[in-house]
PDB file of N, CA and C in Angstrom:
ATOM      1  N   MET A   1    -131.622  19.107   7.020  1.00  0.00           N
ATOM      2  CA  MET A   1    -132.474  18.738   8.135  1.00  0.00           C
ATOM      3  C   MET A   1    -133.946  19.170   7.518  1.00  0.00           C
ATOM      4  N   ASP A   2    -134.606  19.694   6.651  1.00  0.00           N
ATOM      5  CA  ASP A   2    -135.707  19.823   5.946  1.00  0.00           C
ATOM      6  C   ASP A   2    -135.841  17.820   5.582  1.00  0.00           C
ATOM      7  N   GLN A   3    -135.013  17.583   4.898  1.00  0.00           N
ATOM      8  CA  GLN A   3    -135.221  16.460   4.136  1.00  0.00           C
ATOM      9  C   GLN A   3    -135.948  15.248   5.219  1.00  0.00           C
ATOM     10  N   VAL A   4    -135.106  15.263   6.451  1.00  0.00           N
ATOM     11  CA  VAL A   4    -135.467  14.603   7.722  1.00  0.00           C
ATOM     12  C   VAL A   4    -136.788  14.999   8.218  1.00  0.00           C
ATOM     13  N   LEU A   5    -137.012  16.235   8.383  1.00  0.00           N
ATOM     14  CA  LEU A   5    -138.361  16.508   8.891  1.00  0.00           C
ATOM     15  C   LEU A   5    -139.760  15.961   7.675  1.00  0.00           C
ATOM     16  N   ILE A   6    -139.288  16.049   6.325  1.00  0.00           N
ATOM     17  CA  ILE A   6    -140.185  15.870   5.508  1.00  0.00           C
ATOM     18  C   ILE A   6    -140.519  13.992   5.646  1.00  0.00           C
ATOM     19  N   LEU A   7    -139.012  13.315   5.903  1.00  0.00           N
ATOM     20  CA  LEU A   7    -139.563  11.863   6.217  1.00  0.00           C
ATOM     21  C   LEU A   7    -140.241  11.713   7.822  1.00  0.00           C
ATOM     22  N   LEU A   8    -140.000  12.204   8.577  1.00  0.00           N
ATOM     23  CA  LEU A   8    -140.403  12.293   9.836  1.00  0.00           C
ATOM     24  C   LEU A   8    -142.107  12.657   9.730  1.00  0.00           C
ATOM     25  N   GLU A   9    -142.730  13.201   8.647  1.00  0.00           N
ATOM     26  CA  GLU A   9    -143.711  13.921   8.823  1.00  0.00           C
ATOM     27  C   GLU A   9    -144.765  12.532   8.046  1.00  0.00           C
ATOM     28  N   LYS A  10    -144.034  11.889   7.415  1.00  0.00           N
ATOM     29  CA  LYS A  10    -144.734  10.882   6.804  1.00  0.00           C
ATOM     30  C   LYS A  10    -144.645   9.699   7.541  1.00  0.00           C
ATOM     31  N   THR A  11    -144.137   9.525   8.127  1.00  0.00           N
ATOM     32  CA  THR A  11    -143.712   8.231   9.033  1.00  0.00           C
ATOM     33  C   THR A  11    -144.887   8.343  10.228  1.00  0.00           C
ATOM     34  N   ALA A  12    -145.243   7.152  10.650  1.00  0.00           N
ATOM     35  CA  ALA A  12    -146.195   7.116  11.828  1.00  0.00           C
ATOM     36  C   ALA A  12    -145.391   6.547  12.910  1.00  0.00           C
ATOM     37  N   MET A  13    -145.606   7.432  14.045  1.00  0.00           N
ATOM     38  CA  MET A  13    -144.743   6.636  15.197  1.00  0.00           C
ATOM     39  C   MET A  13    -145.534   6.825  16.626  1.00  0.00           C
ATOM     40  N   ARG A  14    -145.380   6.078  17.329  1.00  0.00           N
ATOM     41  CA  ARG A  14    -146.464   6.562  18.371  1.00  0.00           C
ATOM     42  C   ARG A  14    -145.538   6.747  19.632  1.00  0.00           C
ATOM     43  N   ALA A  15    -144.315   6.934  19.734  1.00  0.00           N
ATOM     44  CA  ALA A  15    -143.427   7.662  20.666  1.00  0.00           C
ATOM     45  C   ALA A  15    -143.679   9.158  20.433  1.00  0.00           C
ATOM     46  N   LYS A  16    -143.493   9.753  21.233  1.00  0.00           N
ATOM     47  CA  LYS A  16    -143.199  11.307  20.882  1.00  0.00           C
ATOM     48  C   LYS A  16    -141.569  11.566  21.034  1.00  0.00           C
ATOM     49  N   LEU A  17    -141.402  12.563  20.050  1.00  0.00           N
ATOM     50  CA  LEU A  17    -139.898  12.616  19.446  1.00  0.00           C
ATOM     51  C   LEU A  17    -139.517  14.123  20.421  1.00  0.00           C
ATOM     52  N   GLY A  18    -138.124  13.924  20.588  1.00  0.00           N
ATOM     53  CA  GLY A  18    -137.412  15.043  21.427  1.00  0.00           C
ATOM     54  C   GLY A  18    -136.626  15.363  20.256  1.00  0.00           C
ATOM     55  N   PHE A  19    -136.348  16.757  20.290  1.00  0.00           N
ATOM     56  CA  PHE A  19    -135.463  17.603  19.366  1.00  0.00           C
ATOM     57  C   PHE A  19    -134.298  18.171  20.174  1.00  0.00           C
ATOM     58  N   LEU A  20    -132.935  18.499  19.624  1.00  0.00           N
ATOM     59  CA  LEU A  20    -132.233  19.006  20.296  1.00  0.00           C
ATOM     60  C   LEU A  20    -131.523  20.146  19.484  1.00  0.00           C
ATOM     61  N   LEU A  21    -131.618  21.641  19.645  1.00  0.00           N
ATOM     62  CA  LEU A  21    -131.121  22.385  19.000  1.00  0.00           C
ATOM     63  C   LEU A  21    -129.640  22.707  19.434  1.00  0.00           C
ATOM     64  N   ASN A  22    -128.376  22.326  18.316  1.00  0.00           N
ATOM     65  CA  ASN A  22    -127.188  22.233  18.892  1.00  0.00           C
ATOM     66  C   ASN A  22    -126.621  23.429  18.418  1.00  0.00           C
ATOM     67  N   MET A  23    -125.482  24.094  19.243  1.00  0.00           N
ATOM     68  CA  MET A  23    -124.694  24.881  18.786  1.00  0.00           C
ATOM     69  C   MET A  23    -125.685  26.269  18.610  1.00  0.00           C
ATOM     70  N   LYS A  24    -126.526  26.729  19.386  1.00  0.00           N
ATOM     71  CA  LYS A  24    -127.347  27.857  19.243  1.00  0.00           C
ATOM     72  C   LYS A  24    -126.399  29.081  19.856  1.00  0.00           C
ATOM     73  N   SER A  25    -126.645  30.093  18.820  1.00  0.00           N
ATOM     74  CA  SER A  25    -125.763  31.463  19.027  1.00  0.00           C
ATOM     75  C   SER A  25    -126.346  32.284  20.388  1.00  0.00           C
ATOM     76  N   GLN A  26    -125.416  32.896  20.905  1.00  0.00           N
ATOM     77  CA  GLN A  26    -125.872  33.948  21.848  1.00  0.00           C
ATOM     78  C   GLN A  26    -126.467  35.165  21.199  1.00  0.00           C
ATOM     79  N   GLY A  27    -127.309  35.835  22.041  1.00  0.00           N
ATOM     80  CA  GLY A  27    -128.070  37.007  21.325  1.00  0.00           C
ATOM     81  C   GLY A  27    -129.548  36.810  20.700  1.00  0.00           C
ATOM     82  N   LYS A  28    -129.619  37.819  20.012  1.00  0.00           N
ATOM     83  CA  LYS A  28    -130.540  37.803  19.093  1.00  0.00           C
ATOM     84  C   LYS A  28    -130.610  37.199  17.815  1.00  0.00           C
ATOM     85  N   LYS A  29    -129.252  36.822  17.414  1.00  0.00           N
ATOM     86  CA  LYS A  29    -129.110  35.751  16.498  1.00  0.00           C
ATOM     87  C   LYS A  29    -129.175  34.255  17.026  1.00  0.00           C
ATOM     88  N   GLY A  30    -129.081  34.003  18.358  1.00  0.00           N
ATOM     89  CA  GLY A  30    -129.574  32.807  18.524  1.00  0.00           C
ATOM     90  C   GLY A  30    -131.121  33.051  18.748  1.00  0.00           C
ATOM     91  N   ASP A  31    -131.783  33.911  19.327  1.00  0.00           N
ATOM     92  CA  ASP A  31    -133.102  33.774  19.314  1.00  0.00           C
ATOM     93  C   ASP A  31    -133.988  33.501  17.967  1.00  0.00           C
ATOM     94  N   GLY A  32    -133.403  34.321  17.089  1.00  0.00           N
ATOM     95  CA  GLY A  32    -133.863  33.659  15.565  1.00  0.00           C
ATOM     96  C   GLY A  32    -133.714  32.157  15.010  1.00  0.00           C
ATOM     97  N   GLU A  33    -132.306  31.804  15.747  1.00  0.00           N
ATOM     98  CA  GLU A  33    -132.116  30.452  15.555  1.00  0.00           C
ATOM     99  C   GLU A  33    -132.981  29.597  16.028  1.00  0.00           C
ATOM    100  N   GLU A  34    -133.244  29.569  17.138  1.00  0.00           N
ATOM    101  CA  GLU A  34    -134.536  29.032  17.909  1.00  0.00           C
ATOM    102  C   GLU A  34    -135.931  29.018  17.339  1.00  0.00           C
ATOM    103  N   ALA A  35    -136.267  30.148  17.083  1.00  0.00           N
ATOM    104  CA  ALA A  35    -137.684  30.413  16.418  1.00  0.00           C
ATOM    105  C   ALA A  35    -137.777  29.546  15.431  1.00  0.00           C
ATOM    106  N   ARG A  36    -136.778  30.065  14.197  1.00  0.00           N
ATOM    107  CA  ARG A  36    -136.761  29.064  13.505  1.00  0.00           C
ATOM    108  C   ARG A  36    -136.871  27.429  13.503  1.00  0.00           C
ATOM    109  N   PHE A  37    -136.066  26.959  14.116  1.00  0.00           N
ATOM    110  CA  PHE A  37    -135.837  25.778  14.692  1.00  0.00           C
ATOM    111  C   PHE A  37    -137.263  24.976  15.117  1.00  0.00           C
ATOM    112  N   LEU A  38    -137.938  25.870  16.103  1.00  0.00           N
ATOM    113  CA  LEU A  38    -139.014  25.788  16.991  1.00  0.00           C
ATOM    114  C   LEU A  38    -140.447  26.030  15.596  1.00  0.00           C
ATOM    115  N   SER A  39    -140.140  26.464  14.805  1.00  0.00           N
ATOM    116  CA  SER A  39    -141.209  26.497  13.803  1.00  0.00           C
ATOM    117  C   SER A  39    -140.769  25.316  12.551  1.00  0.00           C
ATOM    118  N   SER A  40    -140.296  24.920  12.697  1.00  0.00           N
ATOM    119  CA  SER A  40    -139.838  23.695  11.753  1.00  0.00           C
ATOM    120  C   SER A  40    -140.224  22.422  12.377  1.00  0.00           C
ATOM    121  N   ILE A  41    -139.762  22.197  13.714  1.00  0.00           N
ATOM    122  CA  ILE A  41    -140.363  21.194  14.355  1.00  0.00           C
ATOM    123  C   ILE A  41    -141.956  21.125  14.716  1.00  0.00           C
ATOM    124  N   THR A  42    -142.289  22.038  14.948  1.00  0.00           N
ATOM    125  CA  THR A  42    -143.667  22.453  15.563  1.00  0.00           C
ATOM    126  C   THR A  42    -144.807  21.350  15.094  1.00  0.00           C
ATOM    127  N   PRO A  43    -144.657  21.177  13.605  1.00  0.00           N
ATOM    128  CA  PRO A  43    -145.840  20.026  12.782  1.00  0.00           C
ATOM    129  C   PRO A  43    -145.732  18.773  13.248  1.00  0.00           C
ATOM    130  N   LEU A  44    -144.500  18.203  13.993  1.00  0.00           N
ATOM    131  CA  LEU A  44    -144.415  16.985  14.513  1.00  0.00           C
ATOM    132  C   LEU A  44    -144.685  16.463  15.727  1.00  0.00           C
ATOM    133  N   ARG A  45    -145.350  18.009  16.513  1.00  0.00           N
ATOM    134  CA  ARG A  45    -145.433  17.804  17.971  1.00  0.00           C
ATOM    135  C   ARG A  45    -144.846  16.858  18.834  1.00  0.00           C
ATOM    136  N   PRO A  46    -143.507  17.623  18.880  1.00  0.00           N
ATOM    137  CA  PRO A  46    -142.454  17.173  19.884  1.00  0.00           C
ATOM    138  C   PRO A  46    -142.811  17.058  21.266  1.00  0.00           C
ATOM    139  N   GLY A  47    -142.323  16.052  21.958  1.00  0.00           N
ATOM    140  CA  GLY A  47    -142.317  15.998  22.946  1.00  0.00           C
ATOM    141  C   GLY A  47    -141.771  16.807  24.046  1.00  0.00           C
ATOM    142  N   SER A  48    -140.506  16.820  23.773  1.00  0.00           N
ATOM    143  CA  SER A  48    -139.377  17.892  24.442  1.00  0.00           C
ATOM    144  C   SER A  48    -138.711  18.360  23.178  1.00  0.00           C
ATOM    145  N   MET A  49    -138.260  19.622  23.447  1.00  0.00           N
ATOM    146  CA  MET A  49    -137.245  20.269  22.613  1.00  0.00           C
ATOM    147  C   MET A  49    -136.113  20.962  23.818  1.00  0.00           C
ATOM    148  N   ARG A  50    -134.952  20.731  23.674  1.00  0.00           N
ATOM    149  CA  ARG A  50    -133.884  21.046  24.322  1.00  0.00           C
ATOM    150  C   ARG A  50    -132.597  22.018  23.307  1.00  0.00           C
ATOM    151  N   VAL A  51    -131.880  22.947  24.099  1.00  0.00           N
ATOM    152  CA  VAL A  51    -131.020  23.422  23.470  1.00  0.00           C
ATOM    153  C   VAL A  51    -129.727  23.599  24.173  1.00  0.00           C
ATOM    154  N   LEU A  52    -128.663  23.266  23.255  1.00  0.00           N
ATOM    155  CA  LEU A  52    -127.386  23.495  23.927  1.00  0.00           C
ATOM    156  C   LEU A  52    -126.447  24.788  23.133  1.00  0.00           C
ATOM    157  N   ALA A  53    -125.991  25.618  23.874  1.00  0.00           N
ATOM    158  CA  ALA A  53    -125.556  26.796  23.812  1.00  0.00           C
ATOM    159  C   ALA A  53    -123.940  26.520  22.846  1.00  0.00           C
ATOM    160  N   ARG A  54    -123.843  27.738  21.895  1.00  0.00           N
ATOM    161  CA  ARG A  54    -122.298  27.518  21.376  1.00  0.00           C
ATOM    162  C   ARG A  54    -121.314  28.076  22.331  1.00  0.00           C
ATOM    163  N   ASP A  55    -120.222  27.319  22.540  1.00  0.00           N
ATOM    164  CA  ASP A  55    -119.522  27.948  23.525  1.00  0.00           C
ATOM    165  C   ASP A  55    -117.719  27.394  23.479  1.00  0.00           C
ATOM    166  N   GLY A  56    -117.319  27.900  22.486  1.00  0.00           N
ATOM    167  CA  GLY A  56    -116.196  27.252  22.201  1.00  0.00           C
ATOM    168  C   GLY A  56    -115.204  27.687  22.638  1.00  0.00           C
ATOM    169  N   ARG A  57    -115.061  28.594  23.455  1.00  0.00           N
ATOM    170  CA  ARG A  57    -113.990  29.235  24.214  1.00  0.00           C
ATOM    171  C   ARG A  57    -114.087  28.610  25.554  1.00  0.00           C
ATOM    172  N   SER A  58    -115.006  27.979  25.994  1.00  0.00           N
ATOM    173  CA  SER A  58    -115.078  27.579  27.558  1.00  0.00           C
ATOM    174  C   SER A  58    -114.630  25.826  27.206  1.00  0.00           C
ATOM    175  N   VAL A  59    -114.987  25.350  26.096  1.00  0.00           N
ATOM    176  CA  VAL A  59    -114.673  24.139  25.754  1.00  0.00           C
ATOM    177  C   VAL A  59    -112.964  23.941  25.314  1.00  0.00           C
ATOM    178  N   GLN A  60    -112.849  24.921  24.859  1.00  0.00           N
ATOM    179  CA  GLN A  60    -111.255  25.281  24.512  1.00  0.00           C
ATOM    180  C   GLN A  60    -110.556  25.268  25.672  1.00  0.00           C
ATOM    181  N   ALA A  61    -110.937  26.102  26.651  1.00  0.00           N
ATOM    182  CA  ALA A  61    -110.369  26.259  27.627  1.00  0.00           C
ATOM    183  C   ALA A  61    -110.251  25.058  28.928  1.00  0.00           C
ATOM    184  N   SER A  62    -111.518  24.405  28.786  1.00  0.00           N
ATOM    185  CA  SER A  62    -111.487  23.076  29.405  1.00  0.00           C
ATOM    186  C   SER A  62    -110.659  22.043  28.957  1.00  0.00           C
ATOM    187  N   GLU A  63    -110.752  21.841  27.416  1.00  0.00           N
ATOM    188  CA  GLU A  63    -109.635  20.745  26.872  1.00  0.00           C
ATOM    189  C   GLU A  63    -108.005  21.103  27.439  1.00  0.00           C
ATOM    190  N   GLU A  64    -107.957  22.593  27.418  1.00  0.00           N
ATOM    191  CA  GLU A  64    -106.387  22.652  27.414  1.00  0.00           C
ATOM    192  C   GLU A  64    -106.101  22.764  28.770  1.00  0.00           C
ATOM    193  N   ALA A  65    -107.028  23.025  29.614  1.00  0.00           N
ATOM    194  CA  ALA A  65    -106.391  22.645  31.477  1.00  0.00           C
ATOM    195  C   ALA A  65    -106.915  21.427  31.802  1.00  0.00           C
ATOM    196  N   ARG A  66    -107.534  20.375  30.568  1.00  0.00           N
ATOM    197  CA  ARG A  66    -107.943  19.271  31.116  1.00  0.00           C
ATOM    198  C   ARG A  66    -108.770  19.205  32.298  1.00  0.00           C
ATOM    199  N   SER A  67    -110.096  19.992  32.361  1.00  0.00           N
ATOM    200  CA  SER A  67    -110.800  20.051  33.465  1.00  0.00           C
ATOM    201  C   SER A  67    -112.149  20.017  32.987  1.00  0.00           C
ATOM    202  N   THR A  68    -112.958  20.120  33.937  1.00  0.00           N
ATOM    203  CA  THR A  68    -114.558  20.039  33.456  1.00  0.00           C
ATOM    204  C   THR A  68    -114.699  21.367  33.350  1.00  0.00           C
ATOM    205  N   LEU A  69    -116.047  21.635  32.640  1.00  0.00           N
ATOM    206  CA  LEU A  69    -116.417  23.216  32.059  1.00  0.00           C
ATOM    207  C   LEU A  69    -116.693  23.762  33.409  1.00  0.00           C
ATOM    208  N   ILE A  70    -117.161  23.599  34.583  1.00  0.00           N
ATOM    209  CA  ILE A  70    -117.632  24.317  35.957  1.00  0.00           C
ATOM    210  C   ILE A  70    -116.191  24.911  36.031  1.00  0.00           C
ATOM    211  N   GLU A  71    -115.114  23.981  36.001  1.00  0.00           N
ATOM    212  CA  GLU A  71    -113.552  24.581  36.704  1.00  0.00           C
ATOM    213  C   GLU A  71    -113.334  25.717  35.693  1.00  0.00           C
ATOM    214  N   ALA A  72    -113.192  25.327  34.394  1.00  0.00           N
ATOM    215  CA  ALA A  72    -112.744  26.098  33.097  1.00  0.00           C
ATOM    216  C   ALA A  72    -113.724  27.518  33.272  1.00  0.00           C
ATOM    217  N   ASN A  73    -114.657  27.376  33.278  1.00  0.00           N
ATOM    218  CA  ASN A  73    -115.795  28.777  33.246  1.00  0.00           C
ATOM    219  C   ASN A  73    -117.184  28.334  34.111  1.00  0.00           C
ATOM    220  N   GLU A  74    -117.085  29.131  35.083  1.00  0.00           N
ATOM    221  CA  GLU A  74    -118.234  28.577  35.991  1.00  0.00           C
ATOM    222  C   GLU A  74    -119.702  29.079  35.502  1.00  0.00           C
ATOM    223  N   ARG A  75    -119.418  30.306  34.550  1.00  0.00           N
ATOM    224  CA  ARG A  75    -120.766  30.842  34.107  1.00  0.00           C
ATOM    225  C   ARG A  75    -120.932  30.584  32.651  1.00  0.00           C
ATOM    226  N   SER A  76    -120.292  29.674  32.054  1.00  0.00           N
ATOM    227  CA  SER A  76    -120.301  29.042  30.810  1.00  0.00           C
ATOM    228  C   SER A  76    -121.839  28.756  30.235  1.00  0.00           C
ATOM    229  N   PRO A  77    -122.293  29.393  29.389  1.00  0.00           N
ATOM    230  CA  PRO A  77    -123.546  28.904  28.530  1.00  0.00           C
ATOM    231  C   PRO A  77    -123.774  27.708  28.444  1.00  0.00           C
ATOM    232  N   LEU A  78    -122.929  26.924  27.843  1.00  0.00           N
ATOM    233  CA  LEU A  78    -122.909  25.483  27.660  1.00  0.00           C
ATOM    234  C   LEU A  78    -122.825  24.727  28.825  1.00  0.00           C
ATOM    235  N   ARG A  79    -122.119  25.014  30.011  1.00  0.00           N
ATOM    236  CA  ARG A  79    -122.457  24.427  31.312  1.00  0.00           C
ATOM    237  C   ARG A  79    -123.951  24.542  31.700  1.00  0.00           C
ATOM    238  N   LYS A  80    -124.393  25.438  31.426  1.00  0.00           N
ATOM    239  CA  LYS A  80    -125.625  25.881  31.993  1.00  0.00           C
ATOM    240  C   LYS A  80    -126.667  25.178  31.228  1.00  0.00           C
ATOM    241  N   SER A  81    -126.546  25.262  29.745  1.00  0.00           N
ATOM    242  CA  SER A  81    -127.455  24.652  29.056  1.00  0.00           C
ATOM    243  C   SER A  81    -127.584  22.923  29.739  1.00  0.00           C
ATOM    244  N   LEU A  82    -126.470  22.588  29.809  1.00  0.00           N
ATOM    245  CA  LEU A  82    -125.982  20.955  29.973  1.00  0.00           C
ATOM    246  C   LEU A  82    -126.729  20.751  31.439  1.00  0.00           C
ATOM    247  N   ALA A  83    -126.826  21.871  32.312  1.00  0.00           N
ATOM    248  CA  ALA A  83    -126.937  21.500  33.699  1.00  0.00           C
ATOM    249  C   ALA A  83    -128.607  21.752  33.580  1.00  0.00           C
ATOM    250  N   LYS A  84    -129.157  22.529  32.982  1.00  0.00           N
ATOM    251  CA  LYS A  84    -130.640  22.709  32.647  1.00  0.00           C
ATOM    252  C   LYS A  84    -131.429  21.388  32.041  1.00  0.00           C
ATOM    253  N   ILE A  85    -130.681  20.407  31.234  1.00  0.00           N
ATOM    254  CA  ILE A  85    -130.855  19.388  30.503  1.00  0.00           C
ATOM    255  C   ILE A  85    -130.920  18.537  31.746  1.00  0.00           C
ATOM    256  N   ALA A  86    -129.886  18.288  32.096  1.00  0.00           N
ATOM    257  CA  ALA A  86    -129.666  17.108  33.292  1.00  0.00           C
ATOM    258  C   ALA A  86    -130.872  17.203  34.326  1.00  0.00           C
ATOM    259  N   SER A  87    -131.116  18.338  34.552  1.00  0.00           N
ATOM    260  CA  SER A  87    -132.117  18.804  35.741  1.00  0.00           C
ATOM    261  C   SER A  87    -133.524  18.080  35.159  1.00  0.00           C
ATOM    262  N   GLU A  88    -134.065  18.583  33.955  1.00  0.00           N
ATOM    263  CA  GLU A  88    -135.261  18.206  33.398  1.00  0.00           C
ATOM    264  C   GLU A  88    -135.147  16.592  33.186  1.00  0.00           C
ATOM    265  N   LEU A  89    -134.115  15.926  32.954  1.00  0.00           N
ATOM    266  CA  LEU A  89    -133.930  14.495  32.885  1.00  0.00           C
ATOM    267  C   LEU A  89    -134.022  13.887  34.198  1.00  0.00           C
ATOM    268  N   ALA A  90    -133.731  14.236  34.981  1.00  0.00           N
ATOM    269  CA  ALA A  90    -133.650  13.681  36.551  1.00  0.00           C
ATOM    270  C   ALA A  90    -135.077  14.079  37.294  1.00  0.00           C
ATOM    271  N   ARG A  91    -135.962  14.545  36.621  1.00  0.00           N
ATOM    272  CA  ARG A  91    -137.297  14.779  37.249  1.00  0.00           C
ATOM    273  C   ARG A  91    -138.335  13.347  36.681  1.00  0.00           C
TER     274      ARG A  91
END
């Protein structure tokens, strides 16, 4: 990721960049991951930053039941992350 960020800093772009932190851990570890990610992308002045939570259990349950995330686990952190992103994009 560091190499990509270095290349992006050298490249002139008119459009605002958006970043996605994928597989964020829960709790304090996840907060640290998000802080490191945010500090690494801040020099690029991102237009948006979105976060997808890590939730292997709900994904596996959803796959096994051949159902949606909300049917497998209504309180899934991944489902909540996806719902938040969808509402931001709908605005």
